[in-house]
Structure formats: C-alpha cells, structure tokens
Amino acid sequence: MHRFASAHFARRLIPLLVAVVVSLVARDSLADLLVNGSFENGTYTFGGDGGQDLPVGSTVISGWTVFANNVAPIQNANAFGVVAQNGNVSLDLQSYNDGIPYGGVQQAVATAVGQAYDLSFWIRVNNSVGIGVGPAAVTASATGNAPLVLANTSTATGQQWQQVHYPFVATSTSTTVGLQGQLTTGGAYIGLDNAMLTAVPEPAGMITMSLVGSAVAAPRRRR
C-alpha cells in the first residue's frame, strides 16, 4: 500500500515539476540583455530646453555609442512637450540637425550563435505638432542580419508611443544591435525609448515533451 501511494504521488508530482522548470526557463530567457535600454543613465549635461546634442562617437549615454549622425537625449522637463515612454529620458534620433542621415545608437551584446532574439523598442510621434507628426520610422539592425525599417503609424492626436519588434538570429558570440532614425514626416523629430533585447525561449510544449520523455524513458526499479 505504501509503495502504491509513493508511485501515485510521483506520477502527480512530475507534471508539477515540469511546469515549474518550464516557467523558470521562460522567465530566465526573457531577461533583458541590453545595458541602459531606457537611456536613463548617462553623463548628461542638459541645456535650458531640456535636451543635449550628442555627436557621432559619443558614449555619454551609458552602454551606447552614437553613430551615423547626432542624437539628442531629452529629459521630461523640456521645452518640447516630450514625455519619455519609460522613466525620465528618451532620445530624438533626429537631434538638432534636421537633416539626413538621421542619427542612431548602437551596442555590442554577448549572444549565442543560432539563438533567436527579439529586439523591441518604442517610437514616438506627436500628431498635434507639425514638426513631430507621424509616421516616423527607425531602422533596426543586428550583426549578420538584414536591417528592418519599423514605423509608428498611429494617427491618433497628441503624443503617441508605439512598440515595434525586430526578430533576428545571432550569427556570432557578439552582436552589435543598432537603432537609427529612418523617417520623420514632420521633419524634426523621431522619438526612441525603452529598448529591450531578449532571447526567444524554446516553445514550452517542446520543453515539456522533452522532460516528460526523459521521465518515461528512465529505467524502473524491479520489484
């Protein structure tokens, strides 16, 4: 009777353990791999308008390097009515230049070859201000992958943040991800904030099947 109860308990326990393991794997896989993805940290020196012009090669934004052209970090207390999507600082990839090519920021991240990743970020427009009206677009890139242009196409009035996603598969143990301004219908603003890079977890069903299969295949003790 005791042996039967133990076996019955084990059969009930296995699915619970599998669920816990799957949950932990998924949670860990979704850890953000970027440093300072919301641009909150940096050796900023904001001007009276609440913004700062950063040239190509600048590393003022912690974890990021400016490329292609200037970018402007903007704090929430500013003369432009810009409010960050997350925290107190966001970027204007158009900066103070009003010209093509638009600026961008990039960061090198440790990756696993063959692993799928998702680079997500938010693009801002202000459809109530002529110079900030959308659509606005950003080109996302990753080493060894084709770049992709992603846009905020919201037509709602006022400030609008829209999240977009860039999926890619790592081809190296170090991947440089880049976010560069591509289009500004209003001519003077491309907002960027809250970038995140996460490894795409293996489908839970596949993990569960693998674990259950291993349990079934385990040798049984002879009675």
Protein backbone atom coordinates (compact mmCIF):
# COMPACT_ATOMS: atom_id res chain seq x y z
CA MET A 1 0.00 0.00 0.00
CA HIS A 2 2.85 2.38 0.88
CA ARG A 3 4.63 1.56 -2.40
CA PHE A 4 1.45 2.26 -4.39
CA ALA A 5 0.92 5.60 -2.62
CA SER A 6 4.52 6.66 -3.36
CA ALA A 7 4.19 5.78 -7.04
CA HIS A 8 0.88 7.63 -7.28
CA PHE A 9 2.40 10.70 -5.61
CA ALA A 10 5.37 10.62 -8.02
CA ARG A 11 3.05 10.48 -11.05
CA ARG A 12 1.19 13.54 -9.76
CA LEU A 13 4.40 15.37 -8.88
CA ILE A 14 6.12 15.04 -12.28
CA PRO A 15 3.74 17.38 -14.19
CA LEU A 16 4.08 19.98 -11.43
CA LEU A 17 7.88 19.81 -11.55
CA VAL A 18 7.80 20.09 -15.34
CA ALA A 19 5.59 23.18 -15.12
CA VAL A 20 7.94 24.79 -12.61
CA VAL A 21 11.02 24.09 -14.75
CA VAL A 22 9.32 25.43 -17.89
CA SER A 23 8.28 28.56 -16.03
CA LEU A 24 11.82 29.17 -14.77
CA VAL A 25 13.36 28.59 -18.20
CA ALA A 26 10.93 31.01 -19.85
CA ARG A 27 11.48 33.65 -17.17
CA ASP A 28 15.26 33.49 -17.42
CA SER A 29 15.18 33.54 -21.22
CA LEU A 30 13.26 36.82 -21.16
CA ALA A 31 15.94 38.67 -19.22
CA ASP A 32 16.84 41.98 -20.88
CA LEU A 33 20.32 41.75 -22.40
CA LEU A 34 20.77 45.44 -23.13
CA VAL A 35 22.57 47.88 -20.88
CA ASN A 36 20.56 51.03 -20.17
CA GLY A 37 17.83 50.28 -22.70
CA SER A 38 15.72 53.21 -21.49
CA PHE A 39 18.67 55.64 -21.73
CA GLU A 40 18.13 56.73 -18.12
CA ASN A 41 21.81 56.63 -17.25
CA GLY A 42 24.45 58.87 -18.77
CA THR A 43 26.82 61.74 -18.12
CA TYR A 44 24.23 64.18 -19.45
CA THR A 45 24.50 67.96 -19.45
CA PHE A 46 21.02 69.07 -20.45
CA GLY A 47 20.57 72.58 -21.79
CA GLY A 48 17.89 75.07 -20.85
CA ASP A 49 15.46 73.41 -23.29
CA GLY A 50 15.92 70.02 -21.59
CA GLY A 51 17.89 68.42 -24.43
CA GLN A 52 21.50 67.77 -25.36
CA ASP A 53 23.16 67.33 -28.77
CA LEU A 54 25.49 64.31 -28.92
CA PRO A 55 27.90 63.84 -31.86
CA VAL A 56 28.90 60.64 -33.66
CA GLY A 57 31.14 58.50 -31.44
CA SER A 58 29.72 59.88 -28.19
CA THR A 59 29.45 57.45 -25.27
CA VAL A 60 27.63 59.89 -22.99
CA ILE A 61 24.63 57.52 -22.98
CA SER A 62 25.81 54.66 -20.76
CA GLY A 63 26.21 51.43 -22.74
CA TRP A 64 25.58 53.07 -26.12
CA THR A 65 27.65 54.68 -28.87
CA VAL A 66 26.19 57.30 -31.21
CA PHE A 67 26.61 56.56 -34.93
CA ALA A 68 25.61 57.88 -38.38
CA ASN A 69 24.70 61.37 -37.11
CA ASN A 70 23.91 63.27 -33.92
CA VAL A 71 21.20 62.23 -31.47
CA ALA A 72 19.57 64.19 -28.64
CA PRO A 73 18.67 62.77 -25.22
CA ILE A 74 15.73 64.71 -23.79
CA GLN A 75 14.64 64.76 -20.15
CA ASN A 76 10.98 65.04 -19.21
CA ALA A 77 11.40 68.64 -18.06
CA ASN A 78 11.83 70.12 -21.54
CA ALA A 79 10.57 72.84 -23.86
CA PHE A 80 9.25 70.41 -26.48
CA GLY A 81 6.49 68.66 -24.56
CA VAL A 82 8.28 65.30 -24.87
CA VAL A 83 7.48 62.72 -22.16
CA ALA A 84 9.55 59.53 -22.06
CA GLN A 85 7.78 56.23 -22.60
CA ASN A 86 9.67 54.84 -19.60
CA GLY A 87 11.50 56.82 -16.94
CA ASN A 88 12.83 60.35 -17.33
CA VAL A 89 14.89 60.28 -20.55
CA SER A 90 14.15 59.44 -24.18
CA LEU A 91 16.04 60.08 -27.42
CA ASP A 92 15.36 62.16 -30.51
CA LEU A 93 17.22 60.38 -33.31
CA GLN A 94 16.81 63.45 -35.50
CA SER A 95 18.56 65.64 -32.91
CA TYR A 96 19.08 69.35 -33.66
CA ASN A 97 20.35 68.75 -37.21
CA ASP A 98 17.09 68.45 -39.19
CA GLY A 99 18.89 66.51 -41.89
CA ILE A 100 19.58 63.11 -43.42
CA PRO A 101 21.17 60.77 -42.47
CA TYR A 102 19.48 60.65 -39.10
CA GLY A 103 21.39 59.60 -36.03
CA GLY A 104 21.42 56.30 -34.22
CA VAL A 105 22.74 54.42 -31.21
CA GLN A 106 24.37 51.00 -31.10
CA GLN A 107 25.53 48.48 -28.52
CA ALA A 108 27.50 45.21 -28.64
CA VAL A 109 25.85 42.33 -26.77
CA ALA A 110 27.03 38.80 -25.95
CA THR A 111 24.88 36.32 -27.88
CA ALA A 112 24.71 32.60 -28.64
CA VAL A 113 25.18 31.51 -32.26
CA GLY A 114 21.90 30.19 -33.67
CA GLN A 115 19.79 31.62 -30.84
CA ALA A 116 16.71 33.63 -31.82
CA TYR A 117 16.34 37.08 -30.26
CA ASP A 118 13.75 39.82 -30.16
CA LEU A 119 14.79 43.48 -30.14
CA SER A 120 11.82 45.60 -29.10
CA PHE A 121 11.63 49.37 -28.69
CA TRP A 122 9.18 52.28 -28.72
CA ILE A 123 8.90 55.00 -31.37
CA ARG A 124 7.26 58.33 -30.58
CA VAL A 125 5.40 60.87 -32.72
CA ASN A 126 3.36 63.93 -31.77
CA ASN A 127 0.47 64.28 -34.19
CA SER A 128 -0.62 67.57 -32.66
CA VAL A 129 2.63 69.34 -33.54
CA GLY A 130 3.61 69.87 -37.15
CA ILE A 131 7.31 69.13 -36.74
CA GLY A 132 6.60 65.92 -34.82
CA VAL A 133 3.73 64.45 -36.82
CA GLY A 134 4.00 60.79 -37.88
CA PRO A 135 4.62 58.39 -39.35
CA ALA A 136 8.16 58.15 -38.00
CA ALA A 137 10.44 55.19 -38.61
CA VAL A 138 13.57 53.60 -37.19
CA THR A 139 15.91 51.11 -38.84
CA ALA A 140 16.82 48.22 -36.54
CA SER A 141 19.92 46.17 -37.30
CA ALA A 142 21.94 43.29 -35.87
CA THR A 143 25.28 41.85 -36.98
CA GLY A 144 24.82 39.21 -39.70
CA ASN A 145 21.13 40.01 -40.25
CA ALA A 146 19.25 42.17 -42.74
CA PRO A 147 18.15 45.52 -41.26
CA LEU A 148 14.45 46.23 -40.90
CA VAL A 149 12.58 49.54 -41.04
CA LEU A 150 9.87 49.77 -38.37
CA ALA A 151 7.42 52.64 -38.02
CA ASN A 152 4.97 54.33 -35.67
CA THR A 153 1.94 54.76 -37.92
CA SER A 154 -0.52 55.97 -35.28
CA THR A 155 -2.91 58.67 -36.49
CA ALA A 156 -4.29 59.49 -33.03
CA THR A 157 -3.85 63.06 -31.87
CA GLY A 158 -1.16 64.13 -29.44
CA GLN A 159 1.89 62.24 -28.22
CA GLN A 160 1.84 58.60 -29.32
CA TRP A 161 4.34 55.92 -28.39
CA GLN A 162 4.18 52.66 -30.33
CA GLN A 163 6.14 49.47 -29.62
CA VAL A 164 7.75 47.56 -32.50
CA HIS A 165 9.78 44.34 -32.74
CA TYR A 166 12.83 43.24 -34.70
CA PRO A 167 13.43 39.45 -34.63
CA PHE A 168 16.81 38.04 -35.62
CA VAL A 169 19.07 35.02 -35.17
CA ALA A 170 22.56 35.55 -33.81
CA THR A 171 25.42 34.62 -36.15
CA SER A 172 28.20 35.43 -33.69
CA THR A 173 29.03 35.36 -30.00
CA SER A 174 28.98 39.17 -30.07
CA THR A 175 26.19 41.02 -31.84
CA THR A 176 26.04 44.76 -32.39
CA VAL A 177 22.46 45.98 -32.41
CA GLY A 178 21.70 49.39 -33.86
CA LEU A 179 18.73 51.74 -33.89
CA GLN A 180 18.90 54.56 -36.45
CA GLY A 181 16.35 57.15 -37.47
CA GLN A 182 14.92 56.46 -40.91
CA LEU A 183 11.86 58.67 -41.49
CA THR A 184 10.27 61.74 -39.93
CA THR A 185 7.19 63.02 -41.71
CA GLY A 186 7.16 66.16 -39.58
CA GLY A 187 10.79 66.77 -40.43
CA ALA A 188 12.18 67.39 -36.96
CA TYR A 189 11.53 64.53 -34.55
CA ILE A 190 11.99 60.74 -34.22
CA GLY A 191 11.42 59.60 -30.64
CA LEU A 192 13.03 56.44 -29.26
CA ASP A 193 12.77 54.84 -25.82
CA ASN A 194 12.66 51.63 -23.79
CA ALA A 195 14.66 49.24 -25.98
CA MET A 196 14.86 45.63 -24.83
CA LEU A 197 16.72 42.61 -26.18
CA THR A 198 15.52 39.17 -25.10
CA ALA A 199 16.34 35.63 -26.12
CA VAL A 200 13.29 33.92 -27.59
CA PRO A 201 12.52 30.92 -25.32
CA GLU A 202 12.05 27.46 -26.74
CA PRO A 203 8.33 26.71 -27.04
CA ALA A 204 7.03 25.41 -23.70
CA GLY A 205 5.42 22.42 -25.38
CA MET A 206 8.77 21.24 -26.74
CA ILE A 207 10.45 21.62 -23.34
CA THR A 208 7.60 19.77 -21.63
CA MET A 209 7.70 16.90 -24.14
CA SER A 210 11.46 16.60 -23.70
CA LEU A 211 11.23 16.47 -19.91
CA VAL A 212 8.29 14.08 -19.86
CA GLY A 213 10.01 11.87 -22.44
CA SER A 214 13.09 11.68 -20.24
CA ALA A 215 10.97 10.73 -17.24
CA VAL A 216 9.15 7.99 -19.17
CA ALA A 217 12.42 6.61 -20.53
CA ALA A 218 14.00 6.40 -17.08
CA PRO A 219 14.59 2.78 -16.01
CA ARG A 220 12.15 1.36 -13.47
CA ARG A 221 13.26 -0.39 -10.32
CA ARG A 222 12.46 -4.08 -10.34
CA ARG A 223 10.03 -5.20 -7.68
